[in-house]
PDB file of N, CA and C in Angstrom:
ATOM      1  N   UNK A   1     -20.530  14.844 -18.750  1.00  0.00           N
ATOM      2  CA  UNK A   1     -19.655  15.057 -17.613  1.00  0.00           C
ATOM      3  C   UNK A   1     -19.755  13.896 -16.629  1.00  0.00           C
ATOM      4  N   UNK A   2     -20.988  13.437 -16.366  1.00  0.00           N
ATOM      5  CA  UNK A   2     -21.164  12.322 -15.437  1.00  0.00           C
ATOM      6  C   UNK A   2     -20.535  11.047 -15.982  1.00  0.00           C
ATOM      7  N   UNK A   3     -20.628  10.851 -17.293  1.00  0.00           N
ATOM      8  CA  UNK A   3     -20.035   9.654 -17.893  1.00  0.00           C
ATOM      9  C   UNK A   3     -18.524   9.672 -17.713  1.00  0.00           C
ATOM     10  N   UNK A   4     -17.916  10.847 -17.852  1.00  0.00           N
ATOM     11  CA  UNK A   4     -16.468  10.971 -17.670  1.00  0.00           C
ATOM     12  C   UNK A   4     -16.087  10.679 -16.232  1.00  0.00           C
ATOM     13  N   UNK A   5     -16.826  11.227 -15.277  1.00  0.00           N
ATOM     14  CA  UNK A   5     -16.543  10.971 -13.863  1.00  0.00           C
ATOM     15  C   UNK A   5     -16.704   9.496 -13.530  1.00  0.00           C
ATOM     16  N   UNK A   6     -17.736   8.879 -14.065  1.00  0.00           N
ATOM     17  CA  UNK A   6     -17.953   7.449 -13.822  1.00  0.00           C
ATOM     18  C   UNK A   6     -16.820   6.628 -14.419  1.00  0.00           C
ATOM     19  N   UNK A   7     -16.359   7.018 -15.609  1.00  0.00           N
ATOM     20  CA  UNK A   7     -15.249   6.305 -16.249  1.00  0.00           C
ATOM     21  C   UNK A   7     -13.975   6.444 -15.429  1.00  0.00           C
ATOM     22  N   UNK A   8     -13.695   7.651 -14.937  1.00  0.00           N
ATOM     23  CA  UNK A   8     -12.504   7.878 -14.120  1.00  0.00           C
ATOM     24  C   UNK A   8     -12.575   7.058 -12.843  1.00  0.00           C
ATOM     25  N   UNK A   9     -13.733   7.019 -12.213  1.00  0.00           N
ATOM     26  CA  UNK A   9     -13.906   6.243 -10.986  1.00  0.00           C
ATOM     27  C   UNK A   9     -13.719   4.753 -11.255  1.00  0.00           C
ATOM     28  N   UNK A  10     -14.311   4.254 -12.333  1.00  0.00           N
ATOM     29  CA  UNK A  10     -14.153   2.841 -12.682  1.00  0.00           C
ATOM     30  C   UNK A  10     -12.696   2.523 -12.986  1.00  0.00           C
ATOM     31  N   UNK A  11     -12.001   3.436 -13.669  1.00  0.00           N
ATOM     32  CA  UNK A  11     -10.584   3.222 -13.978  1.00  0.00           C
ATOM     33  C   UNK A  11      -9.755   3.185 -12.707  1.00  0.00           C
ATOM     34  N   UNK A  12     -10.040   4.086 -11.777  1.00  0.00           N
ATOM     35  CA  UNK A  12      -9.295   4.120 -10.513  1.00  0.00           C
ATOM     36  C   UNK A  12      -9.524   2.843  -9.716  1.00  0.00           C
ATOM     37  N   UNK A  13     -10.750   2.364  -9.701  1.00  0.00           N
ATOM     38  CA  UNK A  13     -11.057   1.118  -8.986  1.00  0.00           C
ATOM     39  C   UNK A  13     -10.341  -0.053  -9.642  1.00  0.00           C
ATOM     40  N   UNK A  14     -10.336  -0.090 -10.962  1.00  0.00           N
ATOM     41  CA  UNK A  14      -9.661  -1.181 -11.677  1.00  0.00           C
ATOM     42  C   UNK A  14      -8.165  -1.157 -11.407  1.00  0.00           C
ATOM     43  N   UNK A  15      -7.562   0.027 -11.403  1.00  0.00           N
ATOM     44  CA  UNK A  15      -6.130   0.145 -11.122  1.00  0.00           C
ATOM     45  C   UNK A  15      -5.838  -0.316  -9.708  1.00  0.00           C
ATOM     46  N   UNK A  16      -6.677   0.058  -8.755  1.00  0.00           N
ATOM     47  CA  UNK A  16      -6.481  -0.359  -7.364  1.00  0.00           C
ATOM     48  C   UNK A  16      -6.574  -1.879  -7.244  1.00  0.00           C
ATOM     49  N   UNK A  17      -7.545  -2.470  -7.916  1.00  0.00           N
ATOM     50  CA  UNK A  17      -7.706  -3.927  -7.853  1.00  0.00           C
ATOM     51  C   UNK A  17      -6.510  -4.637  -8.469  1.00  0.00           C
ATOM     52  N   UNK A  18      -6.018  -4.119  -9.579  1.00  0.00           N
ATOM     53  CA  UNK A  18      -4.845  -4.721 -10.217  1.00  0.00           C
ATOM     54  C   UNK A  18      -3.628  -4.579  -9.318  1.00  0.00           C
ATOM     55  N   UNK A  19      -3.444  -3.402  -8.718  1.00  0.00           N
ATOM     56  CA  UNK A  19      -2.308  -3.189  -7.816  1.00  0.00           C
ATOM     57  C   UNK A  19      -2.355  -4.150  -6.637  1.00  0.00           C
ATOM     58  N   UNK A  20      -3.531  -4.304  -6.045  1.00  0.00           N
ATOM     59  CA  UNK A  20      -3.675  -5.222  -4.909  1.00  0.00           C
ATOM     60  C   UNK A  20      -3.418  -6.662  -5.332  1.00  0.00           C
ATOM     61  N   UNK A  21      -3.941  -7.044  -6.487  1.00  0.00           N
ATOM     62  CA  UNK A  21      -3.731  -8.417  -6.961  1.00  0.00           C
ATOM     63  C   UNK A  21      -2.256  -8.684  -7.206  1.00  0.00           C
ATOM     64  N   UNK A  22      -1.562  -7.707  -7.791  1.00  0.00           N
ATOM     65  CA  UNK A  22      -0.127  -7.881  -8.026  1.00  0.00           C
ATOM     66  C   UNK A  22       0.635  -7.986  -6.715  1.00  0.00           C
ATOM     67  N   UNK A  23       0.300  -7.141  -5.768  1.00  0.00           N
ATOM     68  CA  UNK A  23       1.001  -7.179  -4.484  1.00  0.00           C
ATOM     69  C   UNK A  23       0.730  -8.481  -3.751  1.00  0.00           C
ATOM     70  N   UNK A  24      -0.509  -8.923  -3.761  1.00  0.00           N
ATOM     71  CA  UNK A  24      -0.844 -10.176  -3.085  1.00  0.00           C
ATOM     72  C   UNK A  24      -0.135 -11.342  -3.754  1.00  0.00           C
ATOM     73  N   UNK A  25      -0.070 -11.321  -5.085  1.00  0.00           N
ATOM     74  CA  UNK A  25       0.623 -12.411  -5.771  1.00  0.00           C
ATOM     75  C   UNK A  25       2.108 -12.382  -5.460  1.00  0.00           C
ATOM     76  N   UNK A  26       2.672 -11.198  -5.305  1.00  0.00           N
ATOM     77  CA  UNK A  26       4.085 -11.103  -4.935  1.00  0.00           C
ATOM     78  C   UNK A  26       4.305 -11.625  -3.522  1.00  0.00           C
ATOM     79  N   UNK A  27       3.366 -11.349  -2.621  1.00  0.00           N
ATOM     80  CA  UNK A  27       3.495 -11.838  -1.250  1.00  0.00           C
ATOM     81  C   UNK A  27       3.333 -13.349  -1.186  1.00  0.00           C
ATOM     82  N   UNK A  28       2.516 -13.904  -2.059  1.00  0.00           N
ATOM     83  CA  UNK A  28       2.250 -15.340  -2.002  1.00  0.00           C
ATOM     84  C   UNK A  28       3.359 -16.181  -2.610  1.00  0.00           C
ATOM     85  N   UNK A  29       4.237 -15.581  -3.380  1.00  0.00           N
ATOM     86  CA  UNK A  29       5.346 -16.327  -3.970  1.00  0.00           C
ATOM     87  C   UNK A  29       6.650 -15.977  -3.273  1.00  0.00           C
ATOM     88  N   UNK A  30       6.596 -15.837  -1.972  1.00  0.00           N
ATOM     89  CA  UNK A  30       7.775 -15.438  -1.219  1.00  0.00           C
ATOM     90  C   UNK A  30       8.908 -16.441  -1.334  1.00  0.00           C
ATOM     91  N   UNK A  31       8.604 -17.687  -1.666  1.00  0.00           N
ATOM     92  CA  UNK A  31       9.656 -18.681  -1.837  1.00  0.00           C
ATOM     93  C   UNK A  31      10.467 -18.387  -3.091  1.00  0.00           C
ATOM     94  N   UNK A  32       9.866 -17.702  -4.047  1.00  0.00           N
ATOM     95  CA  UNK A  32      10.558 -17.401  -5.289  1.00  0.00           C
ATOM     96  C   UNK A  32      11.310 -16.082  -5.236  1.00  0.00           C
ATOM     97  N   UNK A  33      10.805 -15.139  -4.498  1.00  0.00           N
ATOM     98  CA  UNK A  33      11.434 -13.829  -4.422  1.00  0.00           C
ATOM     99  C   UNK A  33      11.435 -13.355  -2.980  1.00  0.00           C
ATOM    100  N   UNK A  34      12.518 -12.741  -2.599  1.00  0.00           N
ATOM    101  CA  UNK A  34      12.635 -12.234  -1.236  1.00  0.00           C
ATOM    102  C   UNK A  34      11.930 -10.886  -1.131  1.00  0.00           C
ATOM    103  N   UNK A  35      11.170 -10.701  -0.076  1.00  0.00           N
ATOM    104  CA  UNK A  35      10.488  -9.427   0.137  1.00  0.00           C
ATOM    105  C   UNK A  35      11.528  -8.339   0.382  1.00  0.00           C
ATOM    106  N   UNK A  36      11.262  -7.132  -0.088  1.00  0.00           N
ATOM    107  CA  UNK A  36      12.236  -6.061   0.118  1.00  0.00           C
ATOM    108  C   UNK A  36      12.285  -5.633   1.578  1.00  0.00           C
ATOM    109  N   UNK A  37      13.350  -4.960   1.927  1.00  0.00           N
ATOM    110  CA  UNK A  37      13.434  -4.376   3.265  1.00  0.00           C
ATOM    111  C   UNK A  37      12.529  -3.147   3.302  1.00  0.00           C
ATOM    112  N   UNK A  38      12.277  -2.648   4.507  1.00  0.00           N
ATOM    113  CA  UNK A  38      11.453  -1.446   4.645  1.00  0.00           C
ATOM    114  C   UNK A  38      12.121  -0.275   3.927  1.00  0.00           C
ATOM    115  N   UNK A  39      13.443  -0.181   4.050  1.00  0.00           N
ATOM    116  CA  UNK A  39      14.196   0.892   3.394  1.00  0.00           C
ATOM    117  C   UNK A  39      14.049   0.797   1.881  1.00  0.00           C
ATOM    118  N   UNK A  40      14.148  -0.406   1.340  1.00  0.00           N
ATOM    119  CA  UNK A  40      14.003  -0.617  -0.104  1.00  0.00           C
ATOM    120  C   UNK A  40      12.588  -0.249  -0.553  1.00  0.00           C
ATOM    121  N   UNK A  41      11.580  -0.608   0.241  1.00  0.00           N
ATOM    122  CA  UNK A  41      10.207  -0.260  -0.108  1.00  0.00           C
ATOM    123  C   UNK A  41      10.030   1.252  -0.142  1.00  0.00           C
ATOM    124  N   UNK A  42      10.634   1.958   0.815  1.00  0.00           N
ATOM    125  CA  UNK A  42      10.557   3.423   0.808  1.00  0.00           C
ATOM    126  C   UNK A  42      11.160   3.981  -0.474  1.00  0.00           C
ATOM    127  N   UNK A  43      12.284   3.419  -0.893  1.00  0.00           N
ATOM    128  CA  UNK A  43      12.926   3.875  -2.126  1.00  0.00           C
ATOM    129  C   UNK A  43      12.030   3.597  -3.337  1.00  0.00           C
ATOM    130  N   UNK A  44      11.391   2.443  -3.348  1.00  0.00           N
ATOM    131  CA  UNK A  44      10.485   2.103  -4.448  1.00  0.00           C
ATOM    132  C   UNK A  44       9.297   3.062  -4.484  1.00  0.00           C
ATOM    133  N   UNK A  45       8.793   3.429  -3.323  1.00  0.00           N
ATOM    134  CA  UNK A  45       7.653   4.347  -3.245  1.00  0.00           C
ATOM    135  C   UNK A  45       8.019   5.734  -3.766  1.00  0.00           C
ATOM    136  N   UNK A  46       9.245   6.129  -3.545  1.00  0.00           N
ATOM    137  CA  UNK A  46       9.683   7.447  -3.987  1.00  0.00           C
ATOM    138  C   UNK A  46      10.121   7.492  -5.436  1.00  0.00           C
ATOM    139  N   UNK A  47      10.204   6.349  -6.089  1.00  0.00           N
ATOM    140  CA  UNK A  47      10.692   6.275  -7.461  1.00  0.00           C
ATOM    141  C   UNK A  47       9.526   6.334  -8.444  1.00  0.00           C
ATOM    142  N   UNK A  48       8.967   7.531  -8.624  1.00  0.00           N
ATOM    143  CA  UNK A  48       7.810   7.676  -9.513  1.00  0.00           C
ATOM    144  C   UNK A  48       8.198   7.549 -10.982  1.00  0.00           C
ATOM    145  N   UNK A  49       9.488   7.629 -11.286  1.00  0.00           N
ATOM    146  CA  UNK A  49       9.932   7.496 -12.678  1.00  0.00           C
ATOM    147  C   UNK A  49       9.878   6.046 -13.156  1.00  0.00           C
ATOM    148  N   UNK A  50       9.897   5.107 -12.230  1.00  0.00           N
ATOM    149  CA  UNK A  50       9.818   3.690 -12.590  1.00  0.00           C
ATOM    150  C   UNK A  50       8.440   3.168 -12.204  1.00  0.00           C
ATOM    151  N   UNK A  51       7.552   2.986 -13.184  1.00  0.00           N
ATOM    152  CA  UNK A  51       6.189   2.563 -12.857  1.00  0.00           C
ATOM    153  C   UNK A  51       6.116   1.194 -12.182  1.00  0.00           C
ATOM    154  N   UNK A  52       7.069   0.315 -12.447  1.00  0.00           N
ATOM    155  CA  UNK A  52       7.045  -0.996 -11.794  1.00  0.00           C
ATOM    156  C   UNK A  52       7.333  -0.869 -10.305  1.00  0.00           C
ATOM    157  N   UNK A  53       8.367  -0.117  -9.952  1.00  0.00           N
ATOM    158  CA  UNK A  53       8.689   0.094  -8.539  1.00  0.00           C
ATOM    159  C   UNK A  53       7.549   0.797  -7.820  1.00  0.00           C
ATOM    160  N   UNK A  54       7.074   1.878  -8.424  1.00  0.00           N
ATOM    161  CA  UNK A  54       6.027   2.672  -7.783  1.00  0.00           C
ATOM    162  C   UNK A  54       4.722   1.870  -7.681  1.00  0.00           C
ATOM    163  N   UNK A  55       4.375   1.138  -8.718  1.00  0.00           N
ATOM    164  CA  UNK A  55       3.169   0.311  -8.693  1.00  0.00           C
ATOM    165  C   UNK A  55       3.260  -0.800  -7.664  1.00  0.00           C
ATOM    166  N   UNK A  56       4.447  -1.405  -7.545  1.00  0.00           N
ATOM    167  CA  UNK A  56       4.648  -2.439  -6.527  1.00  0.00           C
ATOM    168  C   UNK A  56       4.423  -1.839  -5.147  1.00  0.00           C
ATOM    169  N   UNK A  57       4.984  -0.650  -4.922  1.00  0.00           N
ATOM    170  CA  UNK A  57       4.849   0.024  -3.629  1.00  0.00           C
ATOM    171  C   UNK A  57       3.378   0.257  -3.296  1.00  0.00           C
ATOM    172  N   UNK A  58       2.645   0.858  -4.215  1.00  0.00           N
ATOM    173  CA  UNK A  58       1.236   1.179  -3.969  1.00  0.00           C
ATOM    174  C   UNK A  58       0.434  -0.092  -3.720  1.00  0.00           C
ATOM    175  N   UNK A  59       0.618  -1.085  -4.554  1.00  0.00           N
ATOM    176  CA  UNK A  59      -0.107  -2.342  -4.387  1.00  0.00           C
ATOM    177  C   UNK A  59       0.237  -3.043  -3.088  1.00  0.00           C
ATOM    178  N   UNK A  60       1.511  -3.028  -2.735  1.00  0.00           N
ATOM    179  CA  UNK A  60       1.970  -3.652  -1.496  1.00  0.00           C
ATOM    180  C   UNK A  60       1.313  -2.986  -0.295  1.00  0.00           C
ATOM    181  N   UNK A  61       1.367  -1.648  -0.260  1.00  0.00           N
ATOM    182  CA  UNK A  61       0.793  -0.912   0.866  1.00  0.00           C
ATOM    183  C   UNK A  61      -0.716  -1.118   0.959  1.00  0.00           C
ATOM    184  N   UNK A  62      -1.400  -1.072  -0.178  1.00  0.00           N
ATOM    185  CA  UNK A  62      -2.849  -1.266  -0.170  1.00  0.00           C
ATOM    186  C   UNK A  62      -3.221  -2.677   0.276  1.00  0.00           C
ATOM    187  N   UNK A  63      -2.481  -3.666  -0.194  1.00  0.00           N
ATOM    188  CA  UNK A  63      -2.785  -5.049   0.184  1.00  0.00           C
ATOM    189  C   UNK A  63      -2.604  -5.261   1.680  1.00  0.00           C
ATOM    190  N   UNK A  64      -1.525  -4.729   2.231  1.00  0.00           N
ATOM    191  CA  UNK A  64      -1.283  -4.870   3.672  1.00  0.00           C
ATOM    192  C   UNK A  64      -2.361  -4.123   4.456  1.00  0.00           C
ATOM    193  N   UNK A  65      -2.693  -2.907   4.009  1.00  0.00           N
ATOM    194  CA  UNK A  65      -3.720  -2.117   4.700  1.00  0.00           C
ATOM    195  C   UNK A  65      -5.073  -2.827   4.678  1.00  0.00           C
ATOM    196  N   UNK A  66      -5.446  -3.372   3.538  1.00  0.00           N
ATOM    197  CA  UNK A  66      -6.729  -4.074   3.439  1.00  0.00           C
ATOM    198  C   UNK A  66      -6.772  -5.297   4.352  1.00  0.00           C
ATOM    199  N   UNK A  67      -5.678  -6.031   4.428  1.00  0.00           N
ATOM    200  CA  UNK A  67      -5.644  -7.209   5.298  1.00  0.00           C
ATOM    201  C   UNK A  67      -5.731  -6.805   6.763  1.00  0.00           C
ATOM    202  N   UNK A  68      -5.023  -5.742   7.133  1.00  0.00           N
ATOM    203  CA  UNK A  68      -5.048  -5.285   8.526  1.00  0.00           C
ATOM    204  C   UNK A  68      -6.453  -4.829   8.911  1.00  0.00           C
ATOM    205  N   UNK A  69      -7.101  -4.072   8.045  1.00  0.00           N
ATOM    206  CA  UNK A  69      -8.457  -3.596   8.330  1.00  0.00           C
ATOM    207  C   UNK A  69      -9.427  -4.770   8.417  1.00  0.00           C
ATOM    208  N   UNK A  70      -9.238  -5.753   7.578  1.00  0.00           N
ATOM    209  CA  UNK A  70     -10.113  -6.936   7.617  1.00  0.00           C
ATOM    210  C   UNK A  70      -9.930  -7.706   8.917  1.00  0.00           C
ATOM    211  N   UNK A  71      -8.698  -7.832   9.376  1.00  0.00           N
ATOM    212  CA  UNK A  71      -8.400  -8.610  10.586  1.00  0.00           C
ATOM    213  C   UNK A  71      -8.629  -7.838  11.880  1.00  0.00           C
ATOM    214  N   UNK A  72      -8.621  -6.509  11.821  1.00  0.00           N
ATOM    215  CA  UNK A  72      -8.727  -5.670  13.017  1.00  0.00           C
ATOM    216  C   UNK A  72      -9.830  -4.643  12.807  1.00  0.00           C
ATOM    217  N   UNK A  73     -11.001  -4.924  13.291  1.00  0.00           N
ATOM    218  CA  UNK A  73     -12.168  -4.056  13.073  1.00  0.00           C
ATOM    219  C   UNK A  73     -12.024  -2.687  13.728  1.00  0.00           C
ATOM    220  N   UNK A  74     -11.074  -2.520  14.648  1.00  0.00           N
ATOM    221  CA  UNK A  74     -10.897  -1.242  15.331  1.00  0.00           C
ATOM    222  C   UNK A  74      -9.994  -0.278  14.555  1.00  0.00           C
ATOM    223  N   UNK A  75      -9.589  -0.628  13.365  1.00  0.00           N
ATOM    224  CA  UNK A  75      -8.696   0.218  12.559  1.00  0.00           C
ATOM    225  C   UNK A  75      -9.500   1.197  11.709  1.00  0.00           C
ATOM    226  N   UNK A  76     -10.294   2.022  12.357  1.00  0.00           N
ATOM    227  CA  UNK A  76     -11.189   2.924  11.632  1.00  0.00           C
ATOM    228  C   UNK A  76     -10.434   4.012  10.875  1.00  0.00           C
ATOM    229  N   UNK A  77      -9.340   4.503  11.428  1.00  0.00           N
ATOM    230  CA  UNK A  77      -8.574   5.547  10.740  1.00  0.00           C
ATOM    231  C   UNK A  77      -8.002   4.997   9.439  1.00  0.00           C
ATOM    232  N   UNK A  78      -7.437   3.822   9.500  1.00  0.00           N
ATOM    233  CA  UNK A  78      -6.883   3.196   8.302  1.00  0.00           C
ATOM    234  C   UNK A  78      -7.986   2.894   7.294  1.00  0.00           C
ATOM    235  N   UNK A  79      -9.144   2.462   7.751  1.00  0.00           N
ATOM    236  CA  UNK A  79     -10.268   2.185   6.849  1.00  0.00           C
ATOM    237  C   UNK A  79     -10.718   3.458   6.143  1.00  0.00           C
ATOM    238  N   UNK A  80     -10.795   4.570   6.872  1.00  0.00           N
ATOM    239  CA  UNK A  80     -11.176   5.842   6.259  1.00  0.00           C
ATOM    240  C   UNK A  80     -10.157   6.251   5.207  1.00  0.00           C
ATOM    241  N   UNK A  81      -8.896   6.010   5.481  1.00  0.00           N
ATOM    242  CA  UNK A  81      -7.851   6.341   4.527  1.00  0.00           C
ATOM    243  C   UNK A  81      -7.987   5.490   3.263  1.00  0.00           C
ATOM    244  N   UNK A  82      -8.246   4.211   3.423  1.00  0.00           N
ATOM    245  CA  UNK A  82      -8.419   3.307   2.276  1.00  0.00           C
ATOM    246  C   UNK A  82      -9.608   3.750   1.432  1.00  0.00           C
ATOM    247  N   UNK A  83     -10.688   4.171   2.079  1.00  0.00           N
ATOM    248  CA  UNK A  83     -11.912   4.556   1.380  1.00  0.00           C
ATOM    249  C   UNK A  83     -11.815   5.908   0.683  1.00  0.00           C
ATOM    250  N   UNK A  84     -10.810   6.691   0.987  1.00  0.00           N
ATOM    251  CA  UNK A  84     -10.658   8.006   0.365  1.00  0.00           C
ATOM    252  C   UNK A  84     -10.386   7.832  -1.129  1.00  0.00           C
ATOM    253  N   UNK A  85     -11.015   8.648  -1.981  1.00  0.00           N
ATOM    254  CA  UNK A  85     -10.865   8.476  -3.432  1.00  0.00           C
ATOM    255  C   UNK A  85      -9.422   8.572  -3.941  1.00  0.00           C
ATOM    256  N   UNK A  86      -8.586   9.343  -3.291  1.00  0.00           N
ATOM    257  CA  UNK A  86      -7.207   9.516  -3.750  1.00  0.00           C
ATOM    258  C   UNK A  86      -6.200   8.718  -2.938  1.00  0.00           C
ATOM    259  N   UNK A  87      -6.652   7.718  -2.233  1.00  0.00           N
ATOM    260  CA  UNK A  87      -5.736   6.985  -1.353  1.00  0.00           C
ATOM    261  C   UNK A  87      -4.612   6.304  -2.122  1.00  0.00           C
ATOM    262  N   UNK A  88      -4.890   5.812  -3.317  1.00  0.00           N
ATOM    263  CA  UNK A  88      -3.834   5.130  -4.065  1.00  0.00           C
ATOM    264  C   UNK A  88      -2.736   6.098  -4.488  1.00  0.00           C
ATOM    265  N   UNK A  89      -3.069   7.367  -4.607  1.00  0.00           N
ATOM    266  CA  UNK A  89      -2.049   8.358  -4.940  1.00  0.00           C
ATOM    267  C   UNK A  89      -1.240   8.754  -3.714  1.00  0.00           C
ATOM    268  N   UNK A  90      -1.862   8.692  -2.550  1.00  0.00           N
ATOM    269  CA  UNK A  90      -1.202   9.159  -1.332  1.00  0.00           C
ATOM    270  C   UNK A  90      -0.578   8.053  -0.492  1.00  0.00           C
ATOM    271  N   UNK A  91      -0.865   6.796  -0.788  1.00  0.00           N
ATOM    272  CA  UNK A  91      -0.315   5.702   0.013  1.00  0.00           C
ATOM    273  C   UNK A  91       1.207   5.770   0.138  1.00  0.00           C
ATOM    274  N   UNK A  92       1.948   6.024  -0.937  1.00  0.00           N
ATOM    275  CA  UNK A  92       3.404   6.096  -0.794  1.00  0.00           C
ATOM    276  C   UNK A  92       3.866   7.193   0.164  1.00  0.00           C
ATOM    277  N   UNK A  93       3.094   8.271   0.267  1.00  0.00           N
ATOM    278  CA  UNK A  93       3.461   9.355   1.180  1.00  0.00           C
ATOM    279  C   UNK A  93       3.361   8.940   2.643  1.00  0.00           C
ATOM    280  N   UNK A  94       2.563   7.919   2.928  1.00  0.00           N
ATOM    281  CA  UNK A  94       2.401   7.474   4.316  1.00  0.00           C
ATOM    282  C   UNK A  94       3.721   7.056   4.944  1.00  0.00           C
ATOM    283  N   UNK A  95       4.551   6.378   4.179  1.00  0.00           N
ATOM    284  CA  UNK A  95       5.791   5.859   4.761  1.00  0.00           C
ATOM    285  C   UNK A  95       7.020   6.639   4.313  1.00  0.00           C
ATOM    286  N   UNK A  96       6.831   7.711   3.544  1.00  0.00           N
ATOM    287  CA  UNK A  96       7.968   8.457   3.000  1.00  0.00           C
ATOM    288  C   UNK A  96       8.860   9.050   4.081  1.00  0.00           C
ATOM    289  N   UNK A  97       8.285   9.589   5.134  1.00  0.00           N
ATOM    290  CA  UNK A  97       9.065  10.282   6.159  1.00  0.00           C
ATOM    291  C   UNK A  97       9.322   9.447   7.404  1.00  0.00           C
ATOM    292  N   UNK A  98       8.982   8.177   7.350  1.00  0.00           N
ATOM    293  CA  UNK A  98       9.178   7.303   8.507  1.00  0.00           C
ATOM    294  C   UNK A  98      10.658   6.951   8.620  1.00  0.00           C
ATOM    295  N   UNK A  99      11.166   6.946   9.842  1.00  0.00           N
ATOM    296  CA  UNK A  99      12.555   6.564  10.083  1.00  0.00           C
ATOM    297  C   UNK A  99      12.694   5.060   9.875  1.00  0.00           C
ATOM    298  N   UNK A 100      13.487   4.634   8.883  1.00  0.00           N
ATOM    299  CA  UNK A 100      13.621   3.201   8.620  1.00  0.00           C
ATOM    300  C   UNK A 100      14.194   2.420   9.801  1.00  0.00           C
ATOM    301  N   UNK A 101      14.938   3.077  10.669  1.00  0.00           N
ATOM    302  CA  UNK A 101      15.499   2.392  11.836  1.00  0.00           C
ATOM    303  C   UNK A 101      14.388   1.937  12.780  1.00  0.00           C
ATOM    304  N   UNK A 102      13.309   2.721  12.835  1.00  0.00           N
ATOM    305  CA  UNK A 102      12.185   2.385  13.708  1.00  0.00           C
ATOM    306  C   UNK A 102      11.427   1.163  13.187  1.00  0.00           C
ATOM    307  N   UNK A 103      11.448   0.976  11.877  1.00  0.00           N
ATOM    308  CA  UNK A 103      10.717  -0.127  11.260  1.00  0.00           C
ATOM    309  C   UNK A 103      11.664  -0.975  10.415  1.00  0.00           C
ATOM    310  N   UNK A 104      12.820  -1.279  10.960  1.00  0.00           N
ATOM    311  CA  UNK A 104      13.810  -2.046  10.215  1.00  0.00           C
ATOM    312  C   UNK A 104      13.335  -3.478  10.005  1.00  0.00           C
ATOM    313  N   UNK A 105      13.961  -4.140   9.076  1.00  0.00           N
ATOM    314  CA  UNK A 105      13.591  -5.515   8.769  1.00  0.00           C
ATOM    315  C   UNK A 105      12.836  -5.587   7.470  1.00  0.00           C
ATOM    316  N   UNK A 106      12.001  -6.597   7.350  1.00  0.00           N
ATOM    317  CA  UNK A 106      11.262  -6.778   6.100  1.00  0.00           C
ATOM    318  C   UNK A 106      10.188  -5.703   5.954  1.00  0.00           C
ATOM    319  N   UNK A 107       9.860  -5.421   4.715  1.00  0.00           N
ATOM    320  CA  UNK A 107       8.834  -4.418   4.440  1.00  0.00           C
ATOM    321  C   UNK A 107       7.491  -4.846   5.005  1.00  0.00           C
ATOM    322  N   UNK A 108       7.185  -6.125   4.899  1.00  0.00           N
ATOM    323  CA  UNK A 108       5.897  -6.609   5.396  1.00  0.00           C
ATOM    324  C   UNK A 108       5.763  -6.364   6.894  1.00  0.00           C
ATOM    325  N   UNK A 109       6.772  -6.738   7.658  1.00  0.00           N
ATOM    326  CA  UNK A 109       6.730  -6.526   9.109  1.00  0.00           C
ATOM    327  C   UNK A 109       6.693  -5.041   9.447  1.00  0.00           C
ATOM    328  N   UNK A 110       7.502  -4.243   8.754  1.00  0.00           N
ATOM    329  CA  UNK A 110       7.552  -2.811   9.023  1.00  0.00           C
ATOM    330  C   UNK A 110       6.248  -2.107   8.711  1.00  0.00           C
ATOM    331  N   UNK A 111       5.672  -2.415   7.559  1.00  0.00           N
ATOM    332  CA  UNK A 111       4.411  -1.778   7.163  1.00  0.00           C
ATOM    333  C   UNK A 111       3.280  -2.209   8.094  1.00  0.00           C
ATOM    334  N   UNK A 112       3.232  -3.486   8.446  1.00  0.00           N
ATOM    335  CA  UNK A 112       2.207  -3.949   9.389  1.00  0.00           C
ATOM    336  C   UNK A 112       2.314  -3.200  10.713  1.00  0.00           C
ATOM    337  N   UNK A 113       3.514  -3.110  11.236  1.00  0.00           N
ATOM    338  CA  UNK A 113       3.735  -2.429  12.517  1.00  0.00           C
ATOM    339  C   UNK A 113       3.329  -0.961  12.419  1.00  0.00           C
ATOM    340  N   UNK A 114       3.731  -0.302  11.337  1.00  0.00           N
ATOM    341  CA  UNK A 114       3.410   1.112  11.156  1.00  0.00           C
ATOM    342  C   UNK A 114       1.899   1.324  11.058  1.00  0.00           C
ATOM    343  N   UNK A 115       1.224   0.535  10.228  1.00  0.00           N
ATOM    344  CA  UNK A 115      -0.221   0.694  10.071  1.00  0.00           C
ATOM    345  C   UNK A 115      -0.963   0.395  11.369  1.00  0.00           C
ATOM    346  N   UNK A 116      -0.538  -0.617  12.097  1.00  0.00           N
ATOM    347  CA  UNK A 116      -1.192  -0.934  13.374  1.00  0.00           C
ATOM    348  C   UNK A 116      -0.971   0.184  14.391  1.00  0.00           C
ATOM    349  N   UNK A 117       0.231   0.783  14.398  1.00  0.00           N
ATOM    350  CA  UNK A 117       0.531   1.867  15.339  1.00  0.00           C
ATOM    351  C   UNK A 117      -0.197   3.158  14.990  1.00  0.00           C
ATOM    352  N   UNK A 118      -0.298   3.473  13.709  1.00  0.00           N
ATOM    353  CA  UNK A 118      -0.830   4.771  13.296  1.00  0.00           C
ATOM    354  C   UNK A 118      -2.280   4.742  12.822  1.00  0.00           C
ATOM    355  N   UNK A 119      -2.769   3.585  12.373  1.00  0.00           N
ATOM    356  CA  UNK A 119      -4.100   3.542  11.783  1.00  0.00           C
ATOM    357  C   UNK A 119      -5.154   2.837  12.601  1.00  0.00           C
ATOM    358  N   UNK A 120      -4.748   2.307  13.752  1.00  0.00           N
ATOM    359  CA  UNK A 120      -5.695   1.552  14.575  1.00  0.00           C
ATOM    360  C   UNK A 120      -5.715   2.129  15.989  1.00  0.00           C
ATOM    361  N   UNK A 121      -6.876   2.064  16.605  1.00  0.00           N
ATOM    362  CA  UNK A 121      -6.992   2.568  17.975  1.00  0.00           C
ATOM    363  C   UNK A 121      -7.265   1.432  18.917  1.00  0.00           C
TER     364      UNK A 121
END
């Protein structure tokens, strides 16, 4: 039983690392591809039938959250959320009900603003 739990935990960590690496690589090649709008990112997060869209969403959100927590030590709420074992499953739910008009523009700017407003004190 312990071996199974350890395997599941290692798999979850590996998936999170791959998602973050993919999102960071997508952010670093912005000259090649335009970042989606906040509205488009919300749609990608809700599209669980397309693993590429959904994986991009999760990786994007995790990468932005990790950078914000690294740069802003007072973001304890966001750090606790990142450290939660099921955070990669729940990250898309964070922005699902947000009004896109409030965070219009690029997904990067919108997600940064949202995380700073809601996850940092």
